[in-house]
Amino acid sequence: MAVNTSTVKSFDAIASSSALLKVGMVGGVRVDYTKSDVTRLEQRAIELGITRAYNDKISSSMNGLIVRDIIPNLDFVDQNGSGINRRWRWPASGGYTNAETNLTVWQTNQSVNNDKKVYVFYGARQVDPGTGRTGTNTNTTTVEFDFSSYIVDIWTLDHIDSSQDTTVLANTPIVFGKSQNMIMKVYPKTTGSGSFDCIMLLGKVIEPRGNTLQGQQGVLPI
């Protein structure tokens, strides 16, 4: 995404603001970022996830932890608790059943081993914008992350339509710890068989070595 870096504050600069350090959380998303912002935010999210996983005693050692991409069919179930496929599609099948209201599309529970996982989310990207990127691309106005009866954060996905790379980044990464059942709700604009979104959640799963991946020892990330 091309931005005027002379007028865009980096995530680090914003995070160092004395006023922001006093608030409980800065929620929502932003679209004015640089490539280095994306790298730093991803690294920060991974560090938060690893720290939470270690504190949750998912593994007895750091070496026993694996950080991997989120894979829908491995890490989520649908609103009915049923398995889904590997595509980034909201809802997993069919179309939105109601408009202008919150609908649960994905969730986590023990059937996807969330008692052995930490989830961290730091953004969202539309993965089927089509050729030309003209007009409105998203059917979803917002995505809401809930835990139990609490709303953790709400991201405005309409921003995707103003982003040339169809991506929004979280102001604050969202972390769900061991056995914390996440409920993901969306607020659709339209209904029907053709009313759905293909939006990837940018984030990572941290889990024990061998739960999904064995990984490689002694190979450092680039």
Protein backbone atom coordinates (compact mmCIF):
# COMPACT_ATOMS: atom_id res chain seq x y z
CA MET A 1 0.00 0.00 0.00
CA ALA A 2 1.46 3.35 -1.00
CA VAL A 3 1.38 5.92 1.79
CA ASN A 4 2.99 9.26 2.53
CA THR A 5 5.35 8.17 5.29
CA SER A 6 6.03 11.78 6.28
CA THR A 7 2.46 12.13 7.56
CA VAL A 8 1.85 8.62 8.87
CA LYS A 9 2.84 7.82 12.43
CA SER A 10 4.31 4.39 12.95
CA PHE A 11 2.81 1.93 15.40
CA ASP A 12 5.83 2.41 17.68
CA ALA A 13 5.40 6.17 17.70
CA ILE A 14 1.72 5.90 18.53
CA ALA A 15 2.31 3.25 21.19
CA SER A 16 4.83 5.52 22.92
CA SER A 17 2.24 8.26 23.40
CA SER A 18 1.89 8.97 27.12
CA ALA A 19 -1.90 9.34 26.81
CA LEU A 20 -2.33 5.95 25.15
CA LEU A 21 -0.28 4.27 27.86
CA LYS A 22 -2.96 5.28 30.37
CA VAL A 23 -6.01 3.78 28.65
CA GLY A 24 -7.19 0.19 29.07
CA MET A 25 -7.03 -0.64 25.37
CA VAL A 26 -6.91 0.99 21.95
CA GLY A 27 -9.29 -1.11 19.88
CA GLY A 28 -10.29 -1.22 16.25
CA VAL A 29 -8.16 -1.15 13.10
CA ARG A 30 -6.22 1.20 10.88
CA VAL A 31 -5.29 1.29 7.19
CA ASP A 32 -2.52 3.94 7.17
CA TYR A 33 0.56 1.83 7.81
CA THR A 34 3.96 1.10 6.34
CA LYS A 35 5.53 -2.25 5.51
CA SER A 36 7.77 -2.00 8.54
CA ASP A 37 4.65 -1.43 10.68
CA VAL A 38 3.26 -4.76 9.47
CA THR A 39 6.47 -6.57 10.35
CA ARG A 40 6.67 -5.02 13.81
CA LEU A 41 3.00 -5.68 14.55
CA GLU A 42 3.28 -9.33 13.52
CA GLN A 43 6.38 -9.77 15.68
CA ARG A 44 4.66 -8.09 18.62
CA ALA A 45 1.63 -10.33 18.21
CA ILE A 46 3.80 -13.46 18.10
CA GLU A 47 5.67 -12.38 21.22
CA LEU A 48 2.38 -11.79 23.06
CA GLY A 49 1.12 -15.22 21.98
CA ILE A 50 4.30 -17.01 23.03
CA THR A 51 4.29 -15.30 26.42
CA ARG A 52 0.65 -16.24 26.98
CA ALA A 53 1.24 -19.84 25.86
CA TYR A 54 4.17 -20.22 28.23
CA ASN A 55 2.22 -18.67 31.13
CA ASP A 56 -0.70 -20.99 30.33
CA LYS A 57 1.74 -23.91 30.63
CA ILE A 58 0.92 -25.25 27.17
CA SER A 59 4.49 -26.52 27.09
CA SER A 60 7.09 -27.02 29.80
CA SER A 61 9.70 -25.19 27.70
CA MET A 62 9.89 -22.53 25.01
CA ASN A 63 11.50 -25.12 22.72
CA GLY A 64 8.32 -27.16 22.99
CA LEU A 65 6.18 -24.42 21.43
CA ILE A 66 5.33 -24.09 17.73
CA VAL A 67 4.07 -20.87 16.10
CA ARG A 68 2.10 -21.41 12.91
CA ASP A 69 -0.46 -19.77 10.65
CA ILE A 70 -4.12 -20.02 11.55
CA ILE A 71 -5.81 -22.71 9.41
CA PRO A 72 -9.64 -22.52 9.43
CA ASN A 73 -10.45 -26.25 9.47
CA LEU A 74 -7.84 -26.95 12.16
CA ASP A 75 -8.63 -24.03 14.42
CA PHE A 76 -12.34 -23.13 14.11
CA VAL A 77 -15.80 -24.63 14.00
CA ASP A 78 -18.92 -22.99 12.63
CA GLN A 79 -21.81 -21.43 14.51
CA ASN A 80 -23.31 -24.89 15.10
CA GLY A 81 -20.07 -26.39 16.38
CA SER A 82 -19.54 -28.34 13.15
CA GLY A 83 -16.25 -28.68 11.31
CA ILE A 84 -15.46 -26.40 8.38
CA ASN A 85 -13.18 -26.59 5.34
CA ARG A 86 -9.81 -24.91 4.87
CA ARG A 87 -11.09 -21.90 2.90
CA TRP A 88 -11.20 -18.42 4.38
CA ARG A 89 -14.95 -17.99 3.88
CA TRP A 90 -17.55 -16.34 6.12
CA PRO A 91 -19.86 -18.18 6.62
CA ALA A 92 -18.16 -21.51 5.92
CA SER A 93 -21.02 -22.55 3.62
CA GLY A 94 -24.10 -20.92 2.14
CA GLY A 95 -24.73 -17.20 2.59
CA TYR A 96 -25.50 -14.83 5.41
CA THR A 97 -28.93 -15.70 6.79
CA ASN A 98 -29.70 -12.23 8.18
CA ALA A 99 -28.57 -8.69 7.51
CA GLU A 100 -28.02 -5.70 9.80
CA THR A 101 -27.52 -7.92 12.84
CA ASN A 102 -24.70 -9.81 14.53
CA LEU A 103 -24.28 -13.39 13.33
CA THR A 104 -21.93 -15.98 14.78
CA VAL A 105 -19.87 -17.51 11.97
CA TRP A 106 -16.88 -19.12 13.68
CA GLN A 107 -15.90 -20.19 17.17
CA THR A 108 -13.31 -22.19 19.07
CA ASN A 109 -13.78 -24.95 21.60
CA GLN A 110 -12.17 -28.17 22.78
CA SER A 111 -13.13 -30.02 19.58
CA VAL A 112 -10.37 -28.01 17.84
CA ASN A 113 -8.02 -28.52 20.80
CA ASN A 114 -8.21 -24.95 22.06
CA ASP A 115 -7.19 -26.37 25.44
CA LYS A 116 -3.74 -26.76 23.83
CA LYS A 117 -3.64 -23.51 21.88
CA VAL A 118 -3.25 -19.77 22.14
CA TYR A 119 -4.72 -17.65 19.34
CA VAL A 120 -3.47 -14.18 18.45
CA PHE A 121 -5.06 -11.93 15.81
CA TYR A 122 -3.54 -8.73 14.43
CA GLY A 123 -5.47 -7.94 11.24
CA ALA A 124 -7.71 -9.02 8.38
CA ARG A 125 -7.25 -9.26 4.62
CA GLN A 126 -9.78 -9.85 1.87
CA VAL A 127 -8.43 -12.68 -0.28
CA ASP A 128 -10.81 -12.57 -3.27
CA PRO A 129 -11.09 -8.88 -4.24
CA GLY A 130 -11.30 -9.68 -7.94
CA THR A 131 -9.82 -7.82 -10.89
CA GLY A 132 -9.80 -4.05 -10.82
CA ARG A 133 -10.98 -3.62 -7.25
CA THR A 134 -13.88 -1.33 -8.16
CA GLY A 135 -16.78 -0.57 -5.85
CA THR A 136 -17.59 -2.19 -2.53
CA ASN A 137 -15.94 -5.54 -1.90
CA THR A 138 -17.00 -6.50 1.61
CA ASN A 139 -20.43 -7.74 2.65
CA THR A 140 -19.40 -7.47 6.30
CA THR A 141 -19.46 -4.16 8.13
CA THR A 142 -17.78 -5.36 11.32
CA VAL A 143 -16.26 -8.44 12.92
CA GLU A 144 -16.63 -8.88 16.66
CA PHE A 145 -14.45 -11.04 18.92
CA ASP A 146 -16.25 -12.30 22.03
CA PHE A 147 -15.16 -14.31 25.05
CA SER A 148 -17.98 -15.64 27.25
CA SER A 149 -20.35 -12.68 27.68
CA TYR A 150 -17.64 -10.10 27.00
CA ILE A 151 -16.87 -8.25 23.78
CA VAL A 152 -13.09 -8.16 23.42
CA ASP A 153 -12.92 -5.91 20.35
CA ILE A 154 -14.85 -4.89 17.23
CA TRP A 155 -13.05 -4.26 13.93
CA THR A 156 -14.63 -2.11 11.21
CA LEU A 157 -14.08 -4.01 7.96
CA ASP A 158 -15.54 -1.30 5.74
CA HIS A 159 -11.99 0.08 5.89
CA ILE A 160 -10.96 -2.77 3.58
CA ASP A 161 -12.70 -0.97 0.71
CA SER A 162 -10.40 2.04 1.18
CA SER A 163 -7.25 -0.08 1.39
CA GLN A 164 -5.45 -0.79 -1.88
CA ASP A 165 -4.09 -4.08 -0.56
CA THR A 166 -7.46 -5.02 1.03
CA THR A 167 -5.90 -5.22 4.49
CA VAL A 168 -6.61 -3.70 7.88
CA LEU A 169 -4.35 -4.00 10.92
CA ALA A 170 -5.40 -4.08 14.55
CA ASN A 171 -4.37 -1.22 16.79
CA THR A 172 -3.93 -3.83 19.52
CA PRO A 173 -3.44 -7.57 18.88
CA ILE A 174 -6.17 -9.82 20.31
CA VAL A 175 -5.03 -12.82 22.36
CA PHE A 176 -7.17 -15.79 23.39
CA GLY A 177 -5.47 -18.02 25.92
CA LYS A 178 -5.68 -21.72 26.62
CA SER A 179 -9.30 -22.98 26.75
CA GLN A 180 -10.76 -19.50 26.20
CA ASN A 181 -13.66 -20.18 23.86
CA MET A 182 -13.74 -17.46 21.22
CA ILE A 183 -16.94 -16.49 19.42
CA MET A 184 -16.55 -14.53 16.19
CA LYS A 185 -19.55 -12.53 15.03
CA VAL A 186 -20.03 -10.52 11.85
CA TYR A 187 -22.51 -7.80 10.90
CA PRO A 188 -23.56 -8.44 7.27
CA LYS A 189 -25.03 -5.85 4.93
CA THR A 190 -26.85 -8.32 2.66
CA THR A 191 -28.27 -11.84 2.70
CA GLY A 192 -28.67 -14.65 0.18
CA SER A 193 -26.67 -17.40 -1.51
CA GLY A 194 -24.19 -14.94 -3.00
CA SER A 195 -23.74 -13.00 0.21
CA PHE A 196 -20.53 -14.06 1.92
CA ASP A 197 -16.97 -12.86 2.45
CA CYS A 198 -13.56 -14.43 1.89
CA ILE A 199 -11.53 -12.65 4.53
CA MET A 200 -8.37 -14.04 6.09
CA LEU A 201 -7.67 -13.35 9.73
CA LEU A 202 -4.04 -12.34 10.10
CA GLY A 203 -2.70 -14.09 13.16
CA LYS A 204 -0.97 -17.10 14.62
CA VAL A 205 -1.66 -20.18 16.70
CA ILE A 206 0.85 -21.14 19.37
CA GLU A 207 0.64 -24.77 20.43
CA PRO A 208 2.82 -27.68 21.64
CA ARG A 209 5.28 -29.23 19.25
CA GLY A 210 3.63 -32.28 17.69
CA ASN A 211 0.05 -31.09 18.19
CA THR A 212 -0.07 -30.17 14.49
CA LEU A 213 3.50 -29.53 13.36
CA GLN A 214 6.75 -31.15 14.40
CA GLY A 215 8.75 -28.26 12.97
CA GLN A 216 12.49 -27.98 12.51
CA GLN A 217 14.98 -27.58 15.30
CA GLY A 218 17.92 -25.24 14.93
CA VAL A 219 16.40 -23.31 11.99
CA LEU A 220 15.75 -19.67 12.75
CA PRO A 221 13.05 -17.59 10.99
CA ILE A 222 14.29 -15.07 8.43
